């Protein structure tokens, strides 16, 4: 990868994180109309489902990083999670985004996250796939023909008995995975602060 591409990718990643943090803070100030319905049963079910999805996303992203830590685009990784989906990192990120949205105890916020994800990430995936095709050529074409882009298919799932990775790179990504669960907990703290009137509730949504 050229120096310019690395720079662009770093800027894109940082901007995405900043935008995500701003969106998180904004929706953390919104309340749930389910508070007044069925004694909050729907709210609690959504919160539980959200935590479950965020946990799946954190573990799934760690699983992916186990395979690409130290390889990235230099090696065509087609084992483990990459054998049932070409973009498992983004798949687990989507799952985590939906779970994070459910942490708001609403249906509206996760729906907004899904729409935002659908608008932004396909362009990113297309650029990455073009780069992988340029690097790996026919091998990548064969991989694309066998493995779906997003929706998992376990028809050709394979997992090696042993696998070599760079533990230093993997360690850096452990924090990113844990961050999902941390942010979900922070969302709950925001909710408590709103209920105690320590911070304002900007609006309420279903």
C-alpha atoms as a PDB file:
ATOM      1  CA  UNK A   1       0.000   0.000   0.000  1.00  0.00           C
ATOM      2  CA  UNK A   2       1.419   3.403  -0.949  1.00  0.00           C
ATOM      3  CA  UNK A   3       2.179   6.086   1.630  1.00  0.00           C
ATOM      4  CA  UNK A   4      -0.611   8.249   0.213  1.00  0.00           C
ATOM      5  CA  UNK A   5      -3.165   5.430   0.511  1.00  0.00           C
ATOM      6  CA  UNK A   6      -2.073   4.720   4.085  1.00  0.00           C
ATOM      7  CA  UNK A   7      -2.490   8.402   4.921  1.00  0.00           C
ATOM      8  CA  UNK A   8      -5.944   8.559   3.338  1.00  0.00           C
ATOM      9  CA  UNK A   9      -7.011   5.403   5.159  1.00  0.00           C
ATOM     10  CA  UNK A  10      -5.810   6.746   8.502  1.00  0.00           C
ATOM     11  CA  UNK A  11      -7.671  10.023   7.965  1.00  0.00           C
ATOM     12  CA  UNK A  12     -10.823   8.128   6.926  1.00  0.00           C
ATOM     13  CA  UNK A  13     -10.622   5.926  10.003  1.00  0.00           C
ATOM     14  CA  UNK A  14     -10.119   8.871  12.345  1.00  0.00           C
ATOM     15  CA  UNK A  15     -12.944  10.866  10.786  1.00  0.00           C
ATOM     16  CA  UNK A  16     -15.221   7.842  11.077  1.00  0.00           C
ATOM     17  CA  UNK A  17     -14.393   7.511  14.765  1.00  0.00           C
ATOM     18  CA  UNK A  18     -14.994  11.196  15.445  1.00  0.00           C
ATOM     19  CA  UNK A  19     -18.300  11.109  13.555  1.00  0.00           C
ATOM     20  CA  UNK A  20     -19.303   7.952  15.393  1.00  0.00           C
ATOM     21  CA  UNK A  21     -18.514   9.527  18.759  1.00  0.00           C
ATOM     22  CA  UNK A  22     -20.556  12.633  17.930  1.00  0.00           C
ATOM     23  CA  UNK A  23     -23.505  10.508  16.809  1.00  0.00           C
ATOM     24  CA  UNK A  24     -23.189   8.410  19.964  1.00  0.00           C
ATOM     25  CA  UNK A  25     -23.250  11.490  22.211  1.00  0.00           C
ATOM     26  CA  UNK A  26     -26.216  12.957  20.335  1.00  0.00           C
ATOM     27  CA  UNK A  27     -28.388   9.860  20.600  1.00  0.00           C
ATOM     28  CA  UNK A  28     -27.256   9.234  24.174  1.00  0.00           C
ATOM     29  CA  UNK A  29     -29.250  12.363  25.001  1.00  0.00           C
ATOM     30  CA  UNK A  30     -32.469  10.983  23.551  1.00  0.00           C
ATOM     31  CA  UNK A  31     -35.044   9.159  25.652  1.00  0.00           C
ATOM     32  CA  UNK A  32     -37.229   6.168  24.922  1.00  0.00           C
ATOM     33  CA  UNK A  33     -41.000   6.425  24.660  1.00  0.00           C
ATOM     34  CA  UNK A  34     -41.123   2.778  25.699  1.00  0.00           C
ATOM     35  CA  UNK A  35     -40.495   3.949  29.278  1.00  0.00           C
ATOM     36  CA  UNK A  36     -44.220   4.633  29.583  1.00  0.00           C
ATOM     37  CA  UNK A  37     -45.374   1.461  27.788  1.00  0.00           C
ATOM     38  CA  UNK A  38     -45.854  -1.949  29.412  1.00  0.00           C
ATOM     39  CA  UNK A  39     -43.808  -0.832  32.433  1.00  0.00           C
ATOM     40  CA  UNK A  40     -40.703  -0.680  30.297  1.00  0.00           C
ATOM     41  CA  UNK A  41     -40.727  -4.361  29.255  1.00  0.00           C
ATOM     42  CA  UNK A  42     -39.952  -3.521  25.616  1.00  0.00           C
ATOM     43  CA  UNK A  43     -37.191  -1.234  26.780  1.00  0.00           C
ATOM     44  CA  UNK A  44     -35.500  -3.945  28.831  1.00  0.00           C
ATOM     45  CA  UNK A  45     -35.840  -6.538  26.062  1.00  0.00           C
ATOM     46  CA  UNK A  46     -34.201  -4.133  23.609  1.00  0.00           C
ATOM     47  CA  UNK A  47     -31.395  -3.382  26.052  1.00  0.00           C
ATOM     48  CA  UNK A  48     -30.715  -7.102  26.588  1.00  0.00           C
ATOM     49  CA  UNK A  49     -30.799  -7.807  22.850  1.00  0.00           C
ATOM     50  CA  UNK A  50     -28.485  -4.856  22.261  1.00  0.00           C
ATOM     51  CA  UNK A  51     -25.921  -6.062  24.788  1.00  0.00           C
ATOM     52  CA  UNK A  52     -26.023  -9.542  23.239  1.00  0.00           C
ATOM     53  CA  UNK A  53     -25.378  -8.159  19.736  1.00  0.00           C
ATOM     54  CA  UNK A  54     -22.571  -5.891  20.952  1.00  0.00           C
ATOM     55  CA  UNK A  55     -20.929  -8.865  22.660  1.00  0.00           C
ATOM     56  CA  UNK A  56     -21.203 -10.918  19.467  1.00  0.00           C
ATOM     57  CA  UNK A  57     -19.705  -8.031  17.504  1.00  0.00           C
ATOM     58  CA  UNK A  58     -16.763  -7.647  19.908  1.00  0.00           C
ATOM     59  CA  UNK A  59     -15.964 -11.381  19.842  1.00  0.00           C
ATOM     60  CA  UNK A  60     -16.500 -11.549  16.072  1.00  0.00           C
ATOM     61  CA  UNK A  61     -14.143  -8.668  15.362  1.00  0.00           C
ATOM     62  CA  UNK A  62     -11.503 -10.281  17.572  1.00  0.00           C
ATOM     63  CA  UNK A  63     -11.952 -13.497  15.609  1.00  0.00           C
ATOM     64  CA  UNK A  64     -11.392 -11.599  12.361  1.00  0.00           C
ATOM     65  CA  UNK A  65      -8.329  -9.803  13.676  1.00  0.00           C
ATOM     66  CA  UNK A  66      -6.858 -13.124  14.724  1.00  0.00           C
ATOM     67  CA  UNK A  67      -6.629 -13.971  11.009  1.00  0.00           C
ATOM     68  CA  UNK A  68      -5.579 -10.652   9.469  1.00  0.00           C
ATOM     69  CA  UNK A  69      -3.257  -9.281  12.183  1.00  0.00           C
ATOM     70  CA  UNK A  70       0.024  -8.718  10.384  1.00  0.00           C
ATOM     71  CA  UNK A  71      -1.335  -9.663   6.954  1.00  0.00           C
ATOM     72  CA  UNK A  72      -4.068  -7.216   5.903  1.00  0.00           C
ATOM     73  CA  UNK A  73      -3.820  -6.805   2.097  1.00  0.00           C
ATOM     74  CA  UNK A  74      -0.393  -8.441   1.753  1.00  0.00           C
ATOM     75  CA  UNK A  75      -1.867 -11.912   2.020  1.00  0.00           C
ATOM     76  CA  UNK A  76      -5.230 -13.115   0.747  1.00  0.00           C
ATOM     77  CA  UNK A  77      -6.879 -14.407   3.921  1.00  0.00           C
ATOM     78  CA  UNK A  78      -9.628 -16.935   3.106  1.00  0.00           C
ATOM     79  CA  UNK A  79      -9.810 -18.988   6.311  1.00  0.00           C
ATOM     80  CA  UNK A  80     -11.896 -18.712   9.470  1.00  0.00           C
ATOM     81  CA  UNK A  81     -14.490 -15.917   9.277  1.00  0.00           C
ATOM     82  CA  UNK A  82     -13.133 -14.989   5.831  1.00  0.00           C
ATOM     83  CA  UNK A  83     -14.220 -18.362   4.479  1.00  0.00           C
ATOM     84  CA  UNK A  84     -17.934 -17.658   5.011  1.00  0.00           C
ATOM     85  CA  UNK A  85     -17.943 -13.930   4.201  1.00  0.00           C
ATOM     86  CA  UNK A  86     -15.539 -11.624   2.341  1.00  0.00           C
ATOM     87  CA  UNK A  87     -16.105  -8.747   4.764  1.00  0.00           C
ATOM     88  CA  UNK A  88     -16.717 -10.274   8.197  1.00  0.00           C
ATOM     89  CA  UNK A  89     -15.229  -7.255   9.996  1.00  0.00           C
ATOM     90  CA  UNK A  90     -17.892  -5.029   8.503  1.00  0.00           C
ATOM     91  CA  UNK A  91     -20.561  -7.655   9.131  1.00  0.00           C
ATOM     92  CA  UNK A  92     -19.707  -7.756  12.839  1.00  0.00           C
ATOM     93  CA  UNK A  93     -19.478  -3.957  12.896  1.00  0.00           C
ATOM     94  CA  UNK A  94     -23.026  -3.800  11.534  1.00  0.00           C
ATOM     95  CA  UNK A  95     -24.186  -6.250  14.191  1.00  0.00           C
ATOM     96  CA  UNK A  96     -22.465  -4.122  16.829  1.00  0.00           C
ATOM     97  CA  UNK A  97     -24.021  -0.923  15.470  1.00  0.00           C
ATOM     98  CA  UNK A  98     -27.490  -2.432  15.642  1.00  0.00           C
ATOM     99  CA  UNK A  99     -26.782  -3.628  19.183  1.00  0.00           C
ATOM    100  CA  UNK A 100     -25.467  -0.218  20.171  1.00  0.00           C
ATOM    101  CA  UNK A 101     -28.590   1.386  18.751  1.00  0.00           C
ATOM    102  CA  UNK A 102     -30.751  -1.007  20.755  1.00  0.00           C
ATOM    103  CA  UNK A 103     -28.910   0.214  23.829  1.00  0.00           C
ATOM    104  CA  UNK A 104     -31.011   3.356  23.459  1.00  0.00           C
ATOM    105  CA  UNK A 105     -34.029   1.121  24.174  1.00  0.00           C
ATOM    106  CA  UNK A 106     -35.656   2.276  20.944  1.00  0.00           C
ATOM    107  CA  UNK A 107     -36.304   0.916  17.473  1.00  0.00           C
ATOM    108  CA  UNK A 108     -35.589   4.271  15.824  1.00  0.00           C
ATOM    109  CA  UNK A 109     -31.896   4.614  16.694  1.00  0.00           C
ATOM    110  CA  UNK A 110     -30.808   1.156  15.451  1.00  0.00           C
ATOM    111  CA  UNK A 111     -32.774   1.794  12.251  1.00  0.00           C
ATOM    112  CA  UNK A 112     -30.885   5.057  11.751  1.00  0.00           C
ATOM    113  CA  UNK A 113     -27.594   3.232  12.336  1.00  0.00           C
ATOM    114  CA  UNK A 114     -28.522   0.597   9.736  1.00  0.00           C
ATOM    115  CA  UNK A 115     -29.337   3.272   7.146  1.00  0.00           C
ATOM    116  CA  UNK A 116     -26.097   5.166   7.870  1.00  0.00           C
ATOM    117  CA  UNK A 117     -24.089   1.953   7.648  1.00  0.00           C
ATOM    118  CA  UNK A 118     -25.752   1.022   4.351  1.00  0.00           C
ATOM    119  CA  UNK A 119     -24.930   4.401   2.828  1.00  0.00           C
ATOM    120  CA  UNK A 120     -21.311   4.642   3.968  1.00  0.00           C
ATOM    121  CA  UNK A 121     -19.708   1.213   3.995  1.00  0.00           C
ATOM    122  CA  UNK A 122     -20.538  -0.150   0.515  1.00  0.00           C
ATOM    123  CA  UNK A 123     -18.252   2.531  -0.983  1.00  0.00           C
ATOM    124  CA  UNK A 124     -15.470   1.595   1.430  1.00  0.00           C
ATOM    125  CA  UNK A 125     -15.889  -2.104   0.662  1.00  0.00           C
ATOM    126  CA  UNK A 126     -15.790  -1.429  -3.091  1.00  0.00           C
ATOM    127  CA  UNK A 127     -12.482   0.452  -2.780  1.00  0.00           C
ATOM    128  CA  UNK A 128     -10.954  -2.314  -0.687  1.00  0.00           C
ATOM    129  CA  UNK A 129     -12.118  -4.995  -3.100  1.00  0.00           C
ATOM    130  CA  UNK A 130     -10.622  -3.107  -6.054  1.00  0.00           C
ATOM    131  CA  UNK A 131      -7.311  -2.927  -4.205  1.00  0.00           C
ATOM    132  CA  UNK A 132      -7.374  -6.638  -3.334  1.00  0.00           C
ATOM    133  CA  UNK A 133      -8.196  -7.510  -6.944  1.00  0.00           C
ATOM    134  CA  UNK A 134      -5.236  -5.439  -8.118  1.00  0.00           C
ATOM    135  CA  UNK A 135      -2.896  -7.177  -5.654  1.00  0.00           C
ATOM    136  CA  UNK A 136      -4.129 -10.781  -5.850  1.00  0.00           C
ATOM    137  CA  UNK A 137      -5.660 -10.978  -9.338  1.00  0.00           C
ATOM    138  CA  UNK A 138      -7.220 -14.319 -10.313  1.00  0.00           C
ATOM    139  CA  UNK A 139      -6.909 -15.746  -6.820  1.00  0.00           C
ATOM    140  CA  UNK A 140      -9.175 -12.988  -5.536  1.00  0.00           C
ATOM    141  CA  UNK A 141     -11.638 -13.476  -8.397  1.00  0.00           C
ATOM    142  CA  UNK A 142     -11.916 -17.160  -7.471  1.00  0.00           C
ATOM    143  CA  UNK A 143     -12.391 -16.232  -3.826  1.00  0.00           C
ATOM    144  CA  UNK A 144     -15.164 -13.764  -4.735  1.00  0.00           C
ATOM    145  CA  UNK A 145     -16.929 -16.417  -6.831  1.00  0.00           C
ATOM    146  CA  UNK A 146     -17.002 -18.802  -3.870  1.00  0.00           C
ATOM    147  CA  UNK A 147     -17.583 -16.422  -0.953  1.00  0.00           C
ATOM    148  CA  UNK A 148     -20.449 -13.921  -0.529  1.00  0.00           C
ATOM    149  CA  UNK A 149     -19.645 -10.278   0.084  1.00  0.00           C
ATOM    150  CA  UNK A 150     -21.782  -9.785   3.202  1.00  0.00           C
ATOM    151  CA  UNK A 151     -24.326 -12.515   3.947  1.00  0.00           C
ATOM    152  CA  UNK A 152     -22.537 -15.533   5.496  1.00  0.00           C
ATOM    153  CA  UNK A 153     -22.483 -18.908   3.764  1.00  0.00           C
ATOM    154  CA  UNK A 154     -20.856 -21.853   5.540  1.00  0.00           C
ATOM    155  CA  UNK A 155     -20.643 -23.984   2.408  1.00  0.00           C
ATOM    156  CA  UNK A 156     -16.860 -23.555   2.158  1.00  0.00           C
ATOM    157  CA  UNK A 157     -16.121 -22.777   5.787  1.00  0.00           C
ATOM    158  CA  UNK A 158     -12.660 -23.890   6.854  1.00  0.00           C
ATOM    159  CA  UNK A 159     -10.502 -23.332   9.883  1.00  0.00           C
ATOM    160  CA  UNK A 160      -6.844 -24.396  10.178  1.00  0.00           C
ATOM    161  CA  UNK A 161      -5.546 -26.304  13.164  1.00  0.00           C
ATOM    162  CA  UNK A 162      -2.702 -23.804  13.534  1.00  0.00           C
ATOM    163  CA  UNK A 163      -2.296 -20.210  12.418  1.00  0.00           C
ATOM    164  CA  UNK A 164       0.549 -17.700  12.691  1.00  0.00           C
ATOM    165  CA  UNK A 165      -0.145 -14.061  13.514  1.00  0.00           C
ATOM    166  CA  UNK A 166       1.609 -10.957  14.777  1.00  0.00           C
ATOM    167  CA  UNK A 167       0.661 -10.730  18.490  1.00  0.00           C
ATOM    168  CA  UNK A 168       1.652  -7.053  18.691  1.00  0.00           C
ATOM    169  CA  UNK A 169      -0.856  -6.048  16.031  1.00  0.00           C
ATOM    170  CA  UNK A 170      -3.510  -8.362  17.470  1.00  0.00           C
ATOM    171  CA  UNK A 171      -3.040  -6.816  20.927  1.00  0.00           C
ATOM    172  CA  UNK A 172      -3.752  -3.348  19.540  1.00  0.00           C
ATOM    173  CA  UNK A 173      -7.075  -4.520  18.181  1.00  0.00           C
ATOM    174  CA  UNK A 174      -8.172  -6.165  21.423  1.00  0.00           C
ATOM    175  CA  UNK A 175      -8.844  -2.686  22.799  1.00  0.00           C
ATOM    176  CA  UNK A 176     -10.993  -1.808  19.782  1.00  0.00           C
ATOM    177  CA  UNK A 177     -13.143  -4.885  20.372  1.00  0.00           C
ATOM    178  CA  UNK A 178     -13.530  -4.186  24.099  1.00  0.00           C
ATOM    179  CA  UNK A 179     -14.502  -0.599  23.225  1.00  0.00           C
ATOM    180  CA  UNK A 180     -17.855  -1.847  21.893  1.00  0.00           C
ATOM    181  CA  UNK A 181     -18.860  -3.219  25.291  1.00  0.00           C
ATOM    182  CA  UNK A 182     -17.436  -0.162  27.055  1.00  0.00           C
ATOM    183  CA  UNK A 183     -19.523   2.209  24.910  1.00  0.00           C
ATOM    184  CA  UNK A 184     -22.642   0.161  25.545  1.00  0.00           C
ATOM    185  CA  UNK A 185     -22.058   0.493  29.285  1.00  0.00           C
ATOM    186  CA  UNK A 186     -21.442   4.215  28.843  1.00  0.00           C
ATOM    187  CA  UNK A 187     -24.785   4.454  27.036  1.00  0.00           C
ATOM    188  CA  UNK A 188     -26.468   3.008  30.142  1.00  0.00           C
ATOM    189  CA  UNK A 189     -24.692   5.586  32.318  1.00  0.00           C
ATOM    190  CA  UNK A 190     -26.017   8.348  30.070  1.00  0.00           C
ATOM    191  CA  UNK A 191     -29.507   6.913  30.520  1.00  0.00           C
ATOM    192  CA  UNK A 192     -29.183   6.965  34.304  1.00  0.00           C
ATOM    193  CA  UNK A 193     -27.924  10.557  34.199  1.00  0.00           C
ATOM    194  CA  UNK A 194     -30.888  11.588  32.045  1.00  0.00           C
ATOM    195  CA  UNK A 195     -33.368   9.917  34.378  1.00  0.00           C
ATOM    196  CA  UNK A 196     -31.765  11.709  37.317  1.00  0.00           C
ATOM    197  CA  UNK A 197     -31.987  15.011  35.396  1.00  0.00           C
ATOM    198  CA  UNK A 198     -28.212  15.483  35.536  1.00  0.00           C
ATOM    199  CA  UNK A 199     -28.135  15.927  31.776  1.00  0.00           C
ATOM    200  CA  UNK A 200     -30.965  17.002  29.448  1.00  0.00           C
ATOM    201  CA  UNK A 201     -33.179  14.749  27.336  1.00  0.00           C
ATOM    202  CA  UNK A 202     -33.292  16.354  23.902  1.00  0.00           C
ATOM    203  CA  UNK A 203     -36.229  14.300  22.598  1.00  0.00           C
ATOM    204  CA  UNK A 204     -37.991  10.961  22.957  1.00  0.00           C
ATOM    205  CA  UNK A 205     -38.364   8.367  20.201  1.00  0.00           C
ATOM    206  CA  UNK A 206     -39.894   4.918  19.844  1.00  0.00           C
END
